[in-house]
C-alpha atoms as a PDB file:
ATOM      1  CA  MET A   1      -7.706  41.119  23.902  1.00  0.00           C
ATOM      2  CA  PRO A   2      -8.556  40.614  20.219  1.00  0.00           C
ATOM      3  CA  ALA A   3     -12.035  39.398  19.425  1.00  0.00           C
ATOM      4  CA  ASN A   4     -10.965  36.387  17.361  1.00  0.00           C
ATOM      5  CA  HIS A   5      -8.900  34.733  20.131  1.00  0.00           C
ATOM      6  CA  THR A   6     -10.449  32.648  22.842  1.00  0.00           C
ATOM      7  CA  GLU A   7      -8.903  32.491  26.255  1.00  0.00           C
ATOM      8  CA  GLY A   8      -6.080  29.946  26.443  1.00  0.00           C
ATOM      9  CA  SER A   9      -5.644  29.546  22.705  1.00  0.00           C
ATOM     10  CA  ALA A  10      -2.544  30.514  20.801  1.00  0.00           C
ATOM     11  CA  PRO A  11      -2.820  33.082  18.041  1.00  0.00           C
ATOM     12  CA  SER A  12      -3.152  31.481  14.641  1.00  0.00           C
ATOM     13  CA  THR A  13      -0.580  32.070  11.975  1.00  0.00           C
ATOM     14  CA  GLN A  14      -1.599  32.320   8.372  1.00  0.00           C
ATOM     15  CA  SER A  15       0.704  31.826   5.411  1.00  0.00           C
ATOM     16  CA  THR A  16      -0.189  33.411   2.119  1.00  0.00           C
ATOM     17  CA  LEU A  17       1.434  33.087  -1.255  1.00  0.00           C
ATOM     18  CA  THR A  18       2.339  36.255  -3.044  1.00  0.00           C
ATOM     19  CA  GLN A  19       1.143  36.709  -6.574  1.00  0.00           C
ATOM     20  CA  GLY A  20       3.364  34.857  -9.030  1.00  0.00           C
ATOM     21  CA  SER A  21       4.951  32.503  -6.487  1.00  0.00           C
ATOM     22  CA  SER A  22       4.426  28.777  -6.547  1.00  0.00           C
ATOM     23  CA  PRO A  23       5.023  26.027  -4.000  1.00  0.00           C
ATOM     24  CA  ALA A  24       8.534  24.581  -4.061  1.00  0.00           C
ATOM     25  CA  THR A  25       8.943  21.161  -5.603  1.00  0.00           C
ATOM     26  CA  CYS A  26      11.492  18.623  -4.466  1.00  0.00           C
ATOM     27  CA  THR A  27      13.251  16.912  -7.332  1.00  0.00           C
ATOM     28  CA  GLU A  28      16.302  15.424  -5.609  1.00  0.00           C
ATOM     29  CA  THR A  29      16.056  12.371  -3.389  1.00  0.00           C
ATOM     30  CA  GLU A  30      18.626  10.796  -1.116  1.00  0.00           C
ATOM     31  CA  THR A  31      18.583   7.266   0.174  1.00  0.00           C
ATOM     32  CA  PHE A  32      19.214   6.448   3.809  1.00  0.00           C
ATOM     33  CA  THR A  33      22.543   4.808   3.043  1.00  0.00           C
ATOM     34  CA  GLU A  34      23.748   7.931   1.239  1.00  0.00           C
ATOM     35  CA  VAL A  35      22.921  10.018   4.286  1.00  0.00           C
ATOM     36  CA  VAL A  36      24.635   7.582   6.672  1.00  0.00           C
ATOM     37  CA  GLU A  37      27.735   7.315   4.490  1.00  0.00           C
ATOM     38  CA  GLY A  38      27.987  11.104   4.408  1.00  0.00           C
ATOM     39  CA  GLU A  39      28.220  11.389   8.187  1.00  0.00           C
ATOM     40  CA  GLU A  40      31.606  11.906   9.723  1.00  0.00           C
ATOM     41  CA  TRP A  41      32.966   9.639  12.444  1.00  0.00           C
ATOM     42  CA  GLY A  42      32.873  12.293  15.165  1.00  0.00           C
ATOM     43  CA  SER A  43      29.432  13.683  14.328  1.00  0.00           C
ATOM     44  CA  PHE A  44      26.553  13.782  16.793  1.00  0.00           C
ATOM     45  CA  TYR A  45      24.538  11.153  14.928  1.00  0.00           C
ATOM     46  CA  TYR A  46      27.429   8.683  14.779  1.00  0.00           C
ATOM     47  CA  SER A  47      27.741   8.903  18.553  1.00  0.00           C
ATOM     48  CA  PHE A  48      23.986   8.504  18.904  1.00  0.00           C
ATOM     49  CA  LYS A  49      24.028   5.322  16.806  1.00  0.00           C
ATOM     50  CA  THR A  50      26.793   3.892  18.987  1.00  0.00           C
ATOM     51  CA  GLU A  51      24.910   4.698  22.193  1.00  0.00           C
ATOM     52  CA  GLN A  52      21.747   3.191  20.766  1.00  0.00           C
ATOM     53  CA  LEU A  53      23.574  -0.012  19.826  1.00  0.00           C
ATOM     54  CA  VAL A  54      25.156  -0.307  23.281  1.00  0.00           C
ATOM     55  CA  THR A  55      21.782   0.300  24.957  1.00  0.00           C
ATOM     56  CA  LEU A  56      20.102  -2.381  22.859  1.00  0.00           C
ATOM     57  CA  TRP A  57      22.859  -4.902  23.653  1.00  0.00           C
ATOM     58  CA  VAL A  58      22.580  -4.167  27.388  1.00  0.00           C
ATOM     59  CA  LEU A  59      18.797  -4.683  27.221  1.00  0.00           C
ATOM     60  CA  PHE A  60      19.312  -7.908  25.282  1.00  0.00           C
ATOM     61  CA  VAL A  61      21.750  -9.288  27.871  1.00  0.00           C
ATOM     62  CA  PHE A  62      19.512  -8.319  30.811  1.00  0.00           C
ATOM     63  CA  THR A  63      16.526  -9.940  29.089  1.00  0.00           C
ATOM     64  CA  ILE A  64      18.389 -13.201  28.486  1.00  0.00           C
ATOM     65  CA  VAL A  65      19.802 -13.325  32.032  1.00  0.00           C
ATOM     66  CA  GLY A  66      16.481 -12.406  33.653  1.00  0.00           C
ATOM     67  CA  ASN A  67      14.478 -14.952  31.695  1.00  0.00           C
ATOM     68  CA  SER A  68      17.091 -17.607  32.420  1.00  0.00           C
ATOM     69  CA  VAL A  69      16.790 -16.939  36.155  1.00  0.00           C
ATOM     70  CA  VAL A  70      12.993 -17.199  35.928  1.00  0.00           C
ATOM     71  CA  LEU A  71      13.187 -20.459  33.991  1.00  0.00           C
ATOM     72  CA  PHE A  72      15.706 -21.949  36.423  1.00  0.00           C
ATOM     73  CA  SER A  73      13.640 -20.980  39.474  1.00  0.00           C
ATOM     74  CA  LEU A  74      10.453 -22.382  37.969  1.00  0.00           C
ATOM     75  CA  TRP A  75      12.239 -25.573  36.931  1.00  0.00           C
ATOM     76  CA  ARG A  76      13.393 -26.201  40.523  1.00  0.00           C
ATOM     77  CA  ARG A  77       9.914 -25.615  41.946  1.00  0.00           C
ATOM     78  CA  LYS A  78       8.218 -28.808  43.105  1.00  0.00           C
ATOM     79  CA  ARG A  79       4.613 -27.695  42.741  1.00  0.00           C
ATOM     80  CA  LYS A  80       3.528 -27.075  39.153  1.00  0.00           C
ATOM     81  CA  SER A  81       0.419 -25.091  38.345  1.00  0.00           C
ATOM     82  CA  ARG A  82      -1.203 -23.360  35.411  1.00  0.00           C
ATOM     83  CA  MET A  83       0.366 -20.052  36.469  1.00  0.00           C
ATOM     84  CA  THR A  84       3.906 -21.476  36.521  1.00  0.00           C
ATOM     85  CA  PHE A  85       3.264 -22.972  33.088  1.00  0.00           C
ATOM     86  CA  PHE A  86       2.093 -19.562  31.824  1.00  0.00           C
ATOM     87  CA  VAL A  87       5.125 -17.723  33.295  1.00  0.00           C
ATOM     88  CA  THR A  88       7.436 -20.379  31.847  1.00  0.00           C
ATOM     89  CA  GLN A  89       5.954 -19.898  28.392  1.00  0.00           C
ATOM     90  CA  LEU A  90       6.353 -16.099  28.713  1.00  0.00           C
ATOM     91  CA  ALA A  91       9.995 -16.452  29.744  1.00  0.00           C
ATOM     92  CA  ILE A  92      10.685 -18.757  26.806  1.00  0.00           C
ATOM     93  CA  THR A  93       9.067 -16.478  24.230  1.00  0.00           C
ATOM     94  CA  ALA A  94      10.659 -13.254  25.459  1.00  0.00           C
END
């Protein structure tokens, strides 16, 4: 085992610049819309955006339905307390 490594640690990698080389500079920039417009319809990222949109809509619908059920059940309850008021306010805000 080399002397400069401790047990359980990964070996360190060192990068050195050769003489006469300089760090690369980035001069071209692309906006997000340019990147999105450049994607083809059947690409992986287009499919991912569609799945993400569907997932968010499903979560939105479940949230609305769930909070509506909570509000309806608390509205029908005869005994009102501070806790039912608190849960009602949470269901309204979410």
